[in-house]
């Protein structure tokens, strides 16, 4: 096998959990093949460069293996060479505070924290 559909390869290489999600990512323009936005039926071969945008990261890989069967994570890692990986570590905006978001440790103490405070204040009971 020297060529396979891009959505099948993305699923087999474990970039997406299901083929349907991989299909939607390709249709939605989240995947670039050699600098262009492919259709899901576009064939991938060895040496192709992919840019994959996921909610938590952006990845650039070079295809070094072809398969349409999903295997273990160790097998999937042998299908590509990771060129660039940018993790999306966003800091929550202040507007999220209006929606109920708060930093860990800020605001009211948890039940566990309250018990520790009482233990310090009143001693062992």
N, C-alpha and C. Protein backbone atom coordinates (compact mmCIF):
# COMPACT_ATOMS: atom_id res chain seq x y z
N UNK A 1 0.85 -1.17 0.00
CA UNK A 1 0.00 0.00 0.00
C UNK A 1 0.90 1.24 0.00
N UNK A 2 0.73 2.10 -1.01
CA UNK A 2 1.55 3.30 -1.07
C UNK A 2 0.74 4.58 -0.99
N UNK A 3 -0.58 4.49 -1.01
CA UNK A 3 -1.45 5.67 -0.89
C UNK A 3 -2.70 5.29 -0.10
N UNK A 4 -3.22 6.27 0.65
CA UNK A 4 -4.45 6.06 1.40
C UNK A 4 -5.14 7.41 1.57
N UNK A 5 -6.45 7.40 1.76
CA UNK A 5 -7.20 8.64 1.95
C UNK A 5 -6.70 9.38 3.19
N UNK A 6 -6.71 10.69 3.13
CA UNK A 6 -6.17 11.49 4.23
C UNK A 6 -6.97 11.31 5.51
N UNK A 7 -8.29 11.18 5.42
CA UNK A 7 -9.08 11.01 6.64
C UNK A 7 -8.81 9.66 7.30
N UNK A 8 -8.60 8.63 6.50
CA UNK A 8 -8.26 7.31 7.06
C UNK A 8 -6.88 7.34 7.71
N UNK A 9 -5.93 8.02 7.07
CA UNK A 9 -4.57 8.07 7.63
C UNK A 9 -4.56 8.84 8.94
N UNK A 10 -5.26 9.96 9.01
CA UNK A 10 -5.32 10.74 10.26
C UNK A 10 -5.91 9.93 11.40
N UNK A 11 -6.91 9.13 11.09
CA UNK A 11 -7.53 8.25 12.10
C UNK A 11 -6.56 7.14 12.50
N UNK A 12 -5.90 6.52 11.52
CA UNK A 12 -4.97 5.43 11.80
C UNK A 12 -3.75 5.92 12.58
N UNK A 13 -3.31 7.17 12.34
CA UNK A 13 -2.17 7.74 13.04
C UNK A 13 -2.57 8.32 14.40
N UNK A 14 -3.81 8.16 14.76
CA UNK A 14 -4.35 8.56 16.08
C UNK A 14 -4.32 10.06 16.34
N UNK A 15 -4.49 10.86 15.30
CA UNK A 15 -4.65 12.29 15.51
C UNK A 15 -6.09 12.60 15.89
N UNK A 16 -7.03 11.76 15.45
CA UNK A 16 -8.44 11.93 15.77
C UNK A 16 -9.01 10.61 16.25
N UNK A 17 -10.00 10.70 17.13
CA UNK A 17 -10.54 9.51 17.78
C UNK A 17 -11.37 8.64 16.83
N UNK A 18 -12.10 9.27 15.92
CA UNK A 18 -12.92 8.53 14.97
C UNK A 18 -12.66 9.04 13.56
N UNK A 19 -13.05 8.24 12.57
CA UNK A 19 -12.90 8.67 11.19
C UNK A 19 -13.83 9.83 10.89
N UNK A 20 -14.98 9.84 11.54
CA UNK A 20 -15.93 10.93 11.34
C UNK A 20 -15.36 12.27 11.80
N UNK A 21 -14.68 12.27 12.93
CA UNK A 21 -14.06 13.50 13.43
C UNK A 21 -12.93 13.92 12.50
N UNK A 22 -12.16 12.96 12.00
CA UNK A 22 -11.08 13.26 11.05
C UNK A 22 -11.67 13.84 9.76
N UNK A 23 -12.76 13.28 9.31
CA UNK A 23 -13.45 13.76 8.10
C UNK A 23 -13.90 15.20 8.29
N UNK A 24 -14.52 15.50 9.44
CA UNK A 24 -14.98 16.86 9.72
C UNK A 24 -13.81 17.85 9.80
N UNK A 25 -12.69 17.41 10.36
CA UNK A 25 -11.52 18.29 10.46
C UNK A 25 -10.98 18.63 9.07
N UNK A 26 -10.93 17.65 8.18
CA UNK A 26 -10.44 17.90 6.83
C UNK A 26 -11.41 18.81 6.08
N UNK A 27 -12.71 18.54 6.21
CA UNK A 27 -13.72 19.38 5.55
C UNK A 27 -13.72 20.79 6.11
N UNK A 28 -13.44 20.93 7.39
CA UNK A 28 -13.45 22.24 8.04
C UNK A 28 -12.18 23.04 7.85
N UNK A 29 -11.22 22.52 7.13
CA UNK A 29 -10.00 23.26 6.85
C UNK A 29 -8.98 23.22 7.97
N UNK A 30 -9.08 22.26 8.88
CA UNK A 30 -8.14 22.15 9.99
C UNK A 30 -6.90 21.35 9.63
N UNK A 31 -6.85 20.83 8.41
CA UNK A 31 -5.71 20.03 7.96
C UNK A 31 -5.20 20.61 6.63
N UNK A 32 -3.89 20.78 6.53
CA UNK A 32 -3.26 21.20 5.28
C UNK A 32 -2.34 20.09 4.80
N UNK A 33 -2.40 19.81 3.52
CA UNK A 33 -1.54 18.80 2.90
C UNK A 33 -0.65 19.50 1.89
N UNK A 34 0.65 19.53 2.16
CA UNK A 34 1.63 20.19 1.29
C UNK A 34 1.23 21.63 0.96
N UNK A 35 0.71 22.35 1.95
CA UNK A 35 0.38 23.76 1.78
C UNK A 35 -0.98 24.06 1.21
N UNK A 36 -1.82 23.05 0.95
CA UNK A 36 -3.16 23.31 0.42
C UNK A 36 -4.20 22.58 1.26
N UNK A 37 -5.42 23.05 1.19
CA UNK A 37 -6.53 22.44 1.93
C UNK A 37 -7.12 21.30 1.08
N UNK A 38 -6.94 20.05 1.49
CA UNK A 38 -7.40 18.93 0.67
C UNK A 38 -8.86 18.57 0.94
N UNK A 39 -9.42 17.79 0.03
CA UNK A 39 -10.71 17.15 0.27
C UNK A 39 -10.43 15.85 1.03
N UNK A 40 -11.44 15.29 1.73
CA UNK A 40 -11.21 14.07 2.50
C UNK A 40 -10.75 12.87 1.65
N UNK A 41 -11.06 12.88 0.37
CA UNK A 41 -10.68 11.75 -0.49
C UNK A 41 -9.27 11.89 -1.05
N UNK A 42 -8.59 12.99 -0.76
CA UNK A 42 -7.23 13.19 -1.27
C UNK A 42 -6.30 12.10 -0.73
N UNK A 43 -5.43 11.61 -1.56
CA UNK A 43 -4.53 10.52 -1.20
C UNK A 43 -3.25 11.07 -0.53
N UNK A 44 -2.81 10.39 0.52
CA UNK A 44 -1.58 10.73 1.21
C UNK A 44 -0.54 9.69 0.85
N UNK A 45 0.69 10.12 0.59
CA UNK A 45 1.78 9.18 0.33
C UNK A 45 2.99 9.58 1.17
N UNK A 46 3.98 8.73 1.22
CA UNK A 46 5.17 8.99 2.03
C UNK A 46 5.87 10.26 1.56
N UNK A 47 6.33 11.05 2.53
CA UNK A 47 7.02 12.29 2.22
C UNK A 47 6.12 13.51 2.24
N UNK A 48 4.81 13.33 2.28
CA UNK A 48 3.89 14.46 2.34
C UNK A 48 4.02 15.19 3.67
N UNK A 49 3.79 16.50 3.65
CA UNK A 49 3.83 17.33 4.86
C UNK A 49 2.40 17.70 5.23
N UNK A 50 2.06 17.51 6.50
CA UNK A 50 0.72 17.83 7.00
C UNK A 50 0.81 18.85 8.12
N UNK A 51 -0.12 19.80 8.13
CA UNK A 51 -0.31 20.72 9.24
C UNK A 51 -1.69 20.44 9.80
N UNK A 52 -1.74 20.05 11.06
CA UNK A 52 -2.99 19.66 11.69
C UNK A 52 -3.27 20.60 12.86
N UNK A 53 -4.46 21.21 12.85
CA UNK A 53 -4.86 22.10 13.92
C UNK A 53 -5.93 21.41 14.74
N UNK A 54 -5.63 21.22 16.03
CA UNK A 54 -6.57 20.63 16.96
C UNK A 54 -6.86 21.65 18.05
N UNK A 55 -7.93 21.47 18.83
CA UNK A 55 -8.24 22.48 19.86
C UNK A 55 -7.10 22.72 20.85
N UNK A 56 -6.32 21.70 21.15
CA UNK A 56 -5.28 21.83 22.17
C UNK A 56 -3.87 21.99 21.62
N UNK A 57 -3.70 21.86 20.29
CA UNK A 57 -2.35 21.98 19.73
C UNK A 57 -2.39 22.16 18.22
N UNK A 58 -1.24 22.62 17.69
CA UNK A 58 -1.01 22.69 16.24
C UNK A 58 0.22 21.85 15.97
N UNK A 59 0.14 20.98 14.96
CA UNK A 59 1.20 20.03 14.69
C UNK A 59 1.58 20.07 13.22
N UNK A 60 2.88 19.99 12.95
CA UNK A 60 3.37 19.80 11.58
C UNK A 60 4.11 18.47 11.56
N UNK A 61 3.71 17.58 10.65
CA UNK A 61 4.31 16.25 10.57
C UNK A 61 4.68 15.92 9.13
N UNK A 62 5.60 14.98 9.00
CA UNK A 62 5.96 14.41 7.71
C UNK A 62 5.55 12.95 7.73
N UNK A 63 4.83 12.53 6.70
CA UNK A 63 4.34 11.16 6.61
C UNK A 63 5.50 10.24 6.25
N UNK A 64 5.74 9.20 7.08
CA UNK A 64 6.80 8.24 6.77
C UNK A 64 6.28 6.81 6.66
N UNK A 65 4.99 6.62 6.93
CA UNK A 65 4.39 5.30 6.82
C UNK A 65 2.93 5.43 6.40
N UNK A 66 2.45 4.44 5.67
CA UNK A 66 1.08 4.47 5.16
C UNK A 66 0.33 3.23 5.65
N UNK A 67 -0.85 3.45 6.21
CA UNK A 67 -1.75 2.36 6.56
C UNK A 67 -3.16 2.91 6.71
N UNK A 68 -4.14 2.04 6.55
CA UNK A 68 -5.52 2.44 6.80
C UNK A 68 -6.11 1.65 7.97
N UNK A 69 -5.25 0.93 8.68
CA UNK A 69 -5.65 0.16 9.86
C UNK A 69 -5.18 0.89 11.11
N UNK A 70 -6.07 1.02 12.07
CA UNK A 70 -5.71 1.69 13.33
C UNK A 70 -5.10 0.66 14.26
N UNK A 71 -3.89 0.96 14.73
CA UNK A 71 -3.19 0.06 15.63
C UNK A 71 -2.93 0.72 16.96
N UNK A 72 -1.96 0.23 17.67
CA UNK A 72 -1.61 0.78 18.97
C UNK A 72 -0.93 2.14 18.80
N UNK A 73 -0.74 2.83 19.90
CA UNK A 73 -0.09 4.14 19.87
C UNK A 73 1.35 4.02 19.38
N UNK A 74 2.02 2.93 19.76
CA UNK A 74 3.40 2.74 19.32
C UNK A 74 3.48 2.57 17.81
N UNK A 75 2.54 1.84 17.24
CA UNK A 75 2.49 1.65 15.79
C UNK A 75 2.16 2.96 15.10
N UNK A 76 1.24 3.73 15.69
CA UNK A 76 0.82 5.01 15.10
C UNK A 76 1.98 6.00 15.06
N UNK A 77 2.82 6.00 16.07
CA UNK A 77 3.96 6.92 16.10
C UNK A 77 4.97 6.64 15.00
N UNK A 78 4.97 5.44 14.47
CA UNK A 78 5.90 5.07 13.40
C UNK A 78 5.41 5.52 12.03
N UNK A 79 4.20 6.10 11.97
CA UNK A 79 3.63 6.53 10.69
C UNK A 79 4.04 7.95 10.31
N UNK A 80 4.57 8.71 11.26
CA UNK A 80 4.92 10.10 10.99
C UNK A 80 6.12 10.54 11.80
N UNK A 81 6.74 11.63 11.33
CA UNK A 81 7.82 12.28 12.06
C UNK A 81 7.31 13.65 12.48
N UNK A 82 7.37 13.94 13.75
CA UNK A 82 6.89 15.21 14.29
C UNK A 82 7.91 16.30 14.02
N UNK A 83 7.52 17.30 13.23
CA UNK A 83 8.42 18.40 12.90
C UNK A 83 8.25 19.55 13.90
N UNK A 84 7.01 20.00 14.10
CA UNK A 84 6.72 21.12 14.99
C UNK A 84 5.45 20.80 15.77
N UNK A 85 5.46 21.13 17.06
CA UNK A 85 4.26 20.97 17.88
C UNK A 85 4.13 22.21 18.76
N UNK A 86 3.01 22.91 18.61
CA UNK A 86 2.72 24.08 19.43
C UNK A 86 1.50 23.78 20.28
N UNK A 87 1.69 23.74 21.59
CA UNK A 87 0.58 23.49 22.49
C UNK A 87 -0.18 24.78 22.72
N UNK A 88 -1.50 24.66 22.81
CA UNK A 88 -2.37 25.80 23.00
C UNK A 88 -2.65 25.95 24.50
N UNK A 89 -1.85 26.73 25.18
CA UNK A 89 -1.98 26.94 26.62
C UNK A 89 -2.55 28.33 26.86
N UNK A 90 -3.83 28.49 26.67
CA UNK A 90 -4.45 29.79 26.82
C UNK A 90 -4.74 30.09 28.29
N UNK A 91 -4.52 31.34 28.67
CA UNK A 91 -4.89 31.81 30.00
C UNK A 91 -6.32 32.31 29.90
N UNK A 92 -7.18 31.90 30.83
CA UNK A 92 -8.58 32.33 30.74
C UNK A 92 -8.71 33.85 30.85
N UNK A 93 -9.61 34.40 30.07
CA UNK A 93 -9.80 35.84 30.07
C UNK A 93 -10.62 36.28 31.28
N UNK A 94 -10.53 37.55 31.65
CA UNK A 94 -11.32 38.03 32.79
C UNK A 94 -12.82 37.93 32.56
N UNK A 95 -13.23 37.87 31.30
CA UNK A 95 -14.67 37.74 31.01
C UNK A 95 -15.22 36.40 31.47
N UNK A 96 -14.36 35.40 31.59
CA UNK A 96 -14.82 34.10 32.07
C UNK A 96 -15.26 34.14 33.53
N UNK A 97 -14.78 35.15 34.27
CA UNK A 97 -15.20 35.29 35.66
C UNK A 97 -16.70 35.54 35.74
N UNK A 98 -17.23 36.22 34.74
CA UNK A 98 -18.67 36.48 34.72
C UNK A 98 -19.46 35.19 34.52
N UNK A 99 -18.84 34.20 33.90
CA UNK A 99 -19.50 32.93 33.64
C UNK A 99 -19.29 31.94 34.78
N UNK A 100 -18.61 32.35 35.84
CA UNK A 100 -18.44 31.48 36.99
C UNK A 100 -17.08 30.83 37.09
N UNK A 101 -16.14 31.17 36.23
CA UNK A 101 -14.80 30.59 36.29
C UNK A 101 -14.00 31.30 37.37
N UNK A 102 -13.20 30.55 38.11
CA UNK A 102 -12.29 31.15 39.08
C UNK A 102 -11.02 30.34 39.14
N UNK A 103 -9.94 31.02 39.47
CA UNK A 103 -8.64 30.36 39.61
C UNK A 103 -8.69 29.39 40.78
N UNK A 104 -7.90 28.34 40.71
CA UNK A 104 -7.83 27.38 41.79
C UNK A 104 -7.25 28.07 43.02
N UNK A 105 -7.92 27.93 44.14
CA UNK A 105 -7.46 28.56 45.37
C UNK A 105 -8.04 29.93 45.63
N UNK A 106 -8.75 30.47 44.65
CA UNK A 106 -9.36 31.78 44.84
C UNK A 106 -10.82 31.59 45.24
N UNK A 107 -11.35 32.54 45.99
CA UNK A 107 -12.76 32.45 46.37
C UNK A 107 -12.95 31.69 47.67
N UNK A 108 -14.12 31.13 47.82
CA UNK A 108 -14.46 30.42 49.05
C UNK A 108 -13.61 29.17 49.22
N UNK A 109 -13.30 28.85 50.48
CA UNK A 109 -12.54 27.63 50.70
C UNK A 109 -13.41 26.39 50.46
N UNK A 110 -12.78 25.33 50.06
CA UNK A 110 -13.49 24.07 49.87
C UNK A 110 -13.77 23.44 51.23
N UNK A 111 -14.55 22.38 51.22
CA UNK A 111 -14.87 21.69 52.46
C UNK A 111 -13.59 21.19 53.14
N UNK A 112 -12.66 20.70 52.34
CA UNK A 112 -11.39 20.21 52.87
C UNK A 112 -10.59 21.35 53.50
N UNK A 113 -10.55 22.51 52.78
CA UNK A 113 -9.86 23.67 53.32
C UNK A 113 -10.48 24.12 54.63
N UNK A 114 -11.82 24.14 54.68
CA UNK A 114 -12.51 24.56 55.89
C UNK A 114 -12.16 23.67 57.06
N UNK A 115 -12.09 22.37 56.85
CA UNK A 115 -11.74 21.43 57.91
C UNK A 115 -10.32 21.69 58.42
N UNK A 116 -9.39 21.98 57.49
CA UNK A 116 -8.02 22.27 57.91
C UNK A 116 -7.96 23.55 58.75
N UNK A 117 -8.72 24.57 58.34
CA UNK A 117 -8.75 25.82 59.09
C UNK A 117 -9.31 25.60 60.49
N UNK A 118 -10.39 24.85 60.57
CA UNK A 118 -10.98 24.55 61.88
C UNK A 118 -10.02 23.75 62.76
N UNK A 119 -9.29 22.85 62.16
CA UNK A 119 -8.34 22.04 62.90
C UNK A 119 -7.22 22.91 63.46
N UNK A 120 -6.75 23.87 62.68
CA UNK A 120 -5.71 24.79 63.14
C UNK A 120 -6.24 25.74 64.21
N UNK A 121 -7.49 26.23 64.01
CA UNK A 121 -8.07 27.21 64.93
C UNK A 121 -8.44 26.60 66.28
N UNK A 122 -9.10 25.46 66.24
CA UNK A 122 -9.66 24.88 67.46
C UNK A 122 -8.86 23.68 67.97
N UNK A 123 -7.85 23.30 67.27
CA UNK A 123 -7.04 22.16 67.68
C UNK A 123 -7.69 20.84 67.29
N UNK A 124 -7.03 19.75 67.64
CA UNK A 124 -7.55 18.41 67.32
C UNK A 124 -8.81 18.16 68.11
N UNK A 125 -9.82 17.63 67.44
CA UNK A 125 -11.06 17.29 68.12
C UNK A 125 -11.27 15.82 68.22
